[in-house]
Protein backbone atom coordinates (compact mmCIF):
# COMPACT_ATOMS: atom_id res chain seq x y z
CA UNK A 1 -0.01 0.00 0.00
CA UNK A 2 1.35 3.42 -1.02
CA UNK A 3 1.75 5.68 2.00
CA UNK A 4 0.22 9.12 1.60
CA UNK A 5 0.37 12.44 3.45
CA UNK A 6 -2.90 11.71 5.37
CA UNK A 7 -1.53 8.28 6.29
CA UNK A 8 1.58 9.81 7.78
CA UNK A 9 -0.43 12.43 9.67
CA UNK A 10 -2.69 9.71 11.12
CA UNK A 11 0.26 7.80 12.51
CA UNK A 12 0.66 10.43 15.25
CA UNK A 13 -0.27 8.97 18.64
CA UNK A 14 -0.78 5.58 16.96
CA UNK A 15 2.60 4.38 15.68
CA UNK A 16 6.12 5.77 15.62
CA UNK A 17 7.13 7.01 12.19
CA UNK A 18 10.27 5.65 10.47
CA UNK A 19 11.98 7.95 7.98
CA UNK A 20 15.25 7.31 6.14
CA UNK A 21 17.30 9.70 4.01
CA UNK A 22 18.21 7.89 0.79
CA UNK A 23 19.24 8.96 -2.70
CA UNK A 24 18.89 6.17 -5.33
CA UNK A 25 16.84 3.38 -6.81
CA UNK A 26 18.24 0.36 -4.96
CA UNK A 27 18.09 2.18 -1.67
CA UNK A 28 14.48 3.11 -2.26
CA UNK A 29 13.61 -0.48 -3.16
CA UNK A 30 15.18 -1.66 0.08
CA UNK A 31 13.46 1.00 2.18
CA UNK A 32 10.12 0.14 0.67
CA UNK A 33 10.59 -3.59 1.24
CA UNK A 34 11.52 -2.82 4.87
CA UNK A 35 8.22 -0.90 5.18
CA UNK A 36 9.92 2.44 5.99
CA UNK A 37 7.23 5.10 6.20
CA UNK A 38 9.04 8.02 4.57
CA UNK A 39 12.00 8.38 2.22
CA UNK A 40 13.62 11.76 2.23
CA UNK A 41 15.94 12.75 -0.59
CA UNK A 42 17.90 15.13 1.57
CA UNK A 43 20.22 18.01 0.70
CA UNK A 44 22.76 15.97 2.69
CA UNK A 45 23.24 14.44 -0.76
CA UNK A 46 25.88 17.16 -1.06
CA UNK A 47 28.09 15.62 1.65
CA UNK A 48 27.14 11.96 1.65
CA UNK A 49 27.14 11.29 -2.09
CA UNK A 50 28.83 14.25 -3.80
CA UNK A 51 31.61 14.82 -1.29
CA UNK A 52 31.01 18.48 -0.45
CA UNK A 53 31.82 19.98 2.93
CA UNK A 54 28.28 21.09 3.66
CA UNK A 55 24.74 21.14 2.24
CA UNK A 56 24.99 24.58 0.70
CA UNK A 57 26.59 23.42 -2.55
CA UNK A 58 23.88 21.12 -3.86
CA UNK A 59 21.50 22.40 -6.52
CA UNK A 60 17.86 21.81 -7.49
CA UNK A 61 18.90 19.87 -10.57
CA UNK A 62 21.23 17.59 -8.62
CA UNK A 63 18.55 16.76 -6.01
CA UNK A 64 15.94 16.37 -8.77
CA UNK A 65 18.18 13.77 -10.44
CA UNK A 66 18.14 11.68 -7.28
CA UNK A 67 14.42 12.25 -6.58
CA UNK A 68 13.69 10.68 -9.97
CA UNK A 69 15.90 7.74 -9.09
CA UNK A 70 13.99 7.14 -5.86
CA UNK A 71 10.61 7.60 -7.44
CA UNK A 72 11.50 5.15 -10.24
CA UNK A 73 11.65 2.44 -7.62
CA UNK A 74 7.92 3.09 -6.98
CA UNK A 75 8.32 2.73 -3.23
CA UNK A 76 5.33 2.34 -0.94
CA UNK A 77 7.05 4.90 1.30
CA UNK A 78 6.03 8.55 1.12
CA UNK A 79 8.68 10.38 -0.99
CA UNK A 80 9.83 13.78 0.23
CA UNK A 81 12.22 16.00 -1.70
CA UNK A 82 14.41 18.43 0.27
CA UNK A 83 14.41 21.90 -1.17
CA UNK A 84 18.08 22.97 -1.26
CA UNK A 85 19.67 26.24 -0.28
CA UNK A 86 18.55 29.20 -2.39
CA UNK A 87 15.73 27.25 -4.01
CA UNK A 88 13.13 28.87 -1.73
CA UNK A 89 15.04 31.79 -0.19
CA UNK A 90 13.96 33.79 -3.23
CA UNK A 91 10.72 35.06 -4.73
CA UNK A 92 7.54 33.05 -4.35
CA UNK A 93 7.18 32.53 -8.06
CA UNK A 94 10.63 30.95 -8.38
CA UNK A 95 10.08 28.95 -5.23
CA UNK A 96 6.91 27.43 -6.67
CA UNK A 97 8.65 26.70 -9.94
CA UNK A 98 11.47 24.85 -8.10
CA UNK A 99 9.05 22.92 -5.90
CA UNK A 100 6.91 21.99 -8.91
CA UNK A 101 9.90 20.33 -10.54
CA UNK A 102 10.17 17.91 -7.61
CA UNK A 103 6.42 17.07 -7.79
CA UNK A 104 5.87 17.10 -11.61
CA UNK A 105 9.22 15.77 -12.91
CA UNK A 106 10.61 14.04 -9.83
CA UNK A 107 7.24 12.51 -8.84
CA UNK A 108 7.84 13.31 -5.17
CA UNK A 109 4.84 13.33 -2.86
CA UNK A 110 5.94 16.35 -0.81
CA UNK A 111 8.81 18.79 -0.21
CA UNK A 112 10.71 19.79 2.92
CA UNK A 113 11.58 23.37 3.83
CA UNK A 114 13.85 24.58 6.64
CA UNK A 115 12.89 27.47 8.92
CA UNK A 116 10.09 28.96 10.98
CA UNK A 117 8.45 32.40 10.87
CA UNK A 118 10.81 33.76 8.21
CA UNK A 119 9.46 31.12 5.81
CA UNK A 120 5.78 32.00 6.44
CA UNK A 121 5.07 33.37 2.91
CA UNK A 122 6.99 30.53 1.32
CA UNK A 123 5.10 27.79 3.11
CA UNK A 124 1.75 29.51 2.56
CA UNK A 125 2.42 29.70 -1.16
CA UNK A 126 3.49 26.05 -1.40
CA UNK A 127 0.44 24.81 0.52
CA UNK A 128 -1.85 27.04 -1.56
CA UNK A 129 -0.36 25.45 -4.61
CA UNK A 130 -1.40 22.03 -3.24
CA UNK A 131 2.17 21.00 -2.53
CA UNK A 132 2.46 19.14 0.82
CA UNK A 133 5.15 20.63 3.04
CA UNK A 134 7.26 19.01 5.75
CA UNK A 135 8.80 21.66 8.00
CA UNK A 136 12.25 21.56 9.64
CA UNK A 137 13.13 23.38 12.88
CA UNK A 138 16.05 23.46 15.28
CA UNK A 139 19.46 22.82 13.79
CA UNK A 140 18.81 23.78 10.19
CA UNK A 141 21.97 22.91 8.22
CA UNK A 142 21.34 25.47 5.52
CA UNK A 143 21.63 28.16 8.22
CA UNK A 144 24.97 26.93 9.57
CA UNK A 145 26.78 30.17 8.68
CA UNK A 146 24.26 32.22 10.62
CA UNK A 147 24.33 29.73 13.53
CA UNK A 148 28.11 29.56 13.65
CA UNK A 149 28.21 25.87 12.82
CA UNK A 150 26.21 22.76 13.62
CA UNK A 151 25.06 23.50 17.15
CA UNK A 152 22.22 22.29 19.31
CA UNK A 153 19.34 24.77 19.24
CA UNK A 154 16.77 25.74 21.87
CA UNK A 155 19.07 25.35 24.90
CA UNK A 156 17.93 28.60 26.52
CA UNK A 157 14.38 29.38 27.63
CA UNK A 158 14.09 32.17 25.07
CA UNK A 159 15.31 29.97 22.17
CA UNK A 160 13.08 27.12 23.31
CA UNK A 161 10.09 29.48 23.33
CA UNK A 162 10.89 30.61 19.77
CA UNK A 163 11.09 26.98 18.62
CA UNK A 164 7.75 26.26 20.26
CA UNK A 165 6.16 29.33 18.55
CA UNK A 166 7.63 28.33 15.16
CA UNK A 167 6.26 24.80 15.54
CA UNK A 168 2.77 26.13 16.21
CA UNK A 169 3.12 28.45 13.24
CA UNK A 170 4.17 25.66 10.87
CA UNK A 171 1.17 23.66 11.94
CA UNK A 172 -1.09 26.66 11.42
CA UNK A 173 0.40 27.27 7.92
CA UNK A 174 -0.52 23.73 6.87
CA UNK A 175 2.65 21.70 7.19
CA UNK A 176 1.72 18.03 7.48
CA UNK A 177 4.75 17.20 9.67
CA UNK A 178 8.07 18.60 10.79
CA UNK A 179 11.67 17.48 11.44
CA UNK A 180 13.10 18.55 14.81
CA UNK A 181 16.91 18.40 14.54
CA UNK A 182 19.49 19.02 17.24
CA UNK A 183 16.94 20.08 19.86
CA UNK A 184 17.03 19.22 23.63
CA UNK A 185 14.87 16.18 24.31
CA UNK A 186 12.60 17.99 26.73
CA UNK A 187 11.93 20.75 24.13
CA UNK A 188 11.20 18.20 21.41
CA UNK A 189 8.88 16.33 23.72
CA UNK A 190 6.97 19.47 24.68
CA UNK A 191 6.54 20.51 21.06
CA UNK A 192 5.43 16.97 20.06
CA UNK A 193 2.81 16.94 22.78
CA UNK A 194 1.50 20.43 21.90
CA UNK A 195 0.93 20.04 18.18
CA UNK A 196 -1.35 17.75 16.23
CA UNK A 197 1.00 17.03 13.33
CA UNK A 198 3.85 14.48 13.55
CA UNK A 199 7.36 15.42 14.64
CA UNK A 200 10.27 13.45 13.31
CA UNK A 201 13.46 13.73 15.35
CA UNK A 202 17.14 13.53 14.63
CA UNK A 203 19.32 14.26 17.66
CA UNK A 204 16.16 15.29 19.50
CA UNK A 205 15.56 12.38 21.88
CA UNK A 206 12.99 9.57 21.72
CA UNK A 207 9.83 11.46 22.52
CA UNK A 208 9.17 12.78 19.02
CA UNK A 209 6.58 11.00 16.84
CA UNK A 210 9.30 9.43 14.64
CA UNK A 211 12.96 9.27 13.82
CA UNK A 212 15.12 9.87 10.77
CA UNK A 213 18.68 8.85 9.90
CA UNK A 214 20.70 8.84 6.72
CA UNK A 215 20.82 5.37 5.12
CA UNK A 216 24.58 5.51 4.77
CA UNK A 217 24.90 6.12 8.54
CA UNK A 218 22.49 3.29 9.35
CA UNK A 219 24.52 0.90 7.17
CA UNK A 220 27.92 2.12 8.31
CA UNK A 221 28.85 3.11 4.79
CA UNK A 222 31.49 5.55 6.03
CA UNK A 223 35.27 5.30 6.10
CA UNK A 224 37.07 4.52 9.32
CA UNK A 225 38.27 8.16 9.51
CA UNK A 226 34.65 9.36 9.71
CA UNK A 227 33.41 10.21 13.19
CA UNK A 228 29.69 9.58 13.65
CA UNK A 229 27.51 12.29 15.16
CA UNK A 230 26.24 11.44 18.62
CA UNK A 231 22.73 10.72 17.38
CA UNK A 232 23.85 8.16 14.75
CA UNK A 233 23.46 4.41 15.38
CA UNK A 234 25.16 2.08 12.95
CA UNK A 235 23.18 -1.13 12.26
CA UNK A 236 25.76 -2.60 9.87
CA UNK A 237 29.39 -2.23 8.82
CA UNK A 238 28.90 -1.89 5.08
CA UNK A 239 32.03 0.14 4.43
CA UNK A 240 34.33 -2.55 5.87
CA UNK A 241 32.37 -5.27 4.10
CA UNK A 242 32.62 -3.40 0.80
CA UNK A 243 36.37 -2.91 1.11
CA UNK A 244 36.79 -6.59 1.95
CA UNK A 245 34.67 -7.68 -1.02
CA UNK A 246 36.63 -5.47 -3.37
CA UNK A 247 39.93 -6.83 -2.05
CA UNK A 248 38.67 -10.38 -2.67
CA UNK A 249 37.50 -9.39 -6.18
CA UNK A 250 40.95 -7.93 -7.01
CA UNK A 251 42.79 -10.91 -5.58
CA UNK A 252 40.72 -13.37 -7.66
CA UNK A 253 41.42 -11.39 -10.84
CA UNK A 254 45.13 -11.31 -10.16
CA UNK A 255 45.17 -15.05 -9.38
CA UNK A 256 43.02 -15.93 -12.43
CA UNK A 257 40.30 -17.32 -10.12
CA UNK A 258 37.64 -15.08 -11.65
CA UNK A 259 35.81 -15.64 -13.86
CA UNK A 260 35.26 -19.40 -13.59
CA UNK A 261 33.26 -21.46 -16.08
CA UNK A 262 30.15 -20.67 -14.01
CA UNK A 263 30.64 -16.95 -14.75
CA UNK A 264 31.58 -17.30 -18.42
């Protein structure tokens, strides 16, 4: 059964939501078979797949390329396209044009937008255009230069109050859900209890309505030099397994052990 926006909304208070950030056809097939609720094609594509230092370098066309790959898998999961930096920090008309590419060409089910009150006009326009919007509050990576890096948000009473107000605003504007990233657990819990749309946490404790991690982090597809963020849990060691498989492949070629008659 294909999961829809209303389906995800109705999971609140009924079942914890699973979301994974993934970027291609085979990953989407696996996520769907595992019955993951939401696949996000995140702007973290910039770092995880393209090797950039941050998320600011990725473009609409690059993300669209990967949205199409995920959608081609026809996953049962809801497909959400991340709107990258400077794709919605502009005029409403250009914002709608960019978002429409993800829906019309990429076949995404929804888009994700970072920010609170400063994105009011943007979110209103998207929702009015019948484009479902997932919000994103707390540590918003596209704002890292303004925040002075990747830092936990909402640690003071004043900042927690602003997060709370922004969460209520996103709900009022028509967002169907929101990501809470890098937020103290007690703040995320309070927001989750106060609003009627689902919250999906990353580095925000276990009292949100769901959780999200990047597939490559879940699988351990990172080199040994890579230091996981505190909120990451590795469920596999795919990097090490991949290196070992490639070593075996090379060895068999050098020793004329591959291909055998079975592979010829």
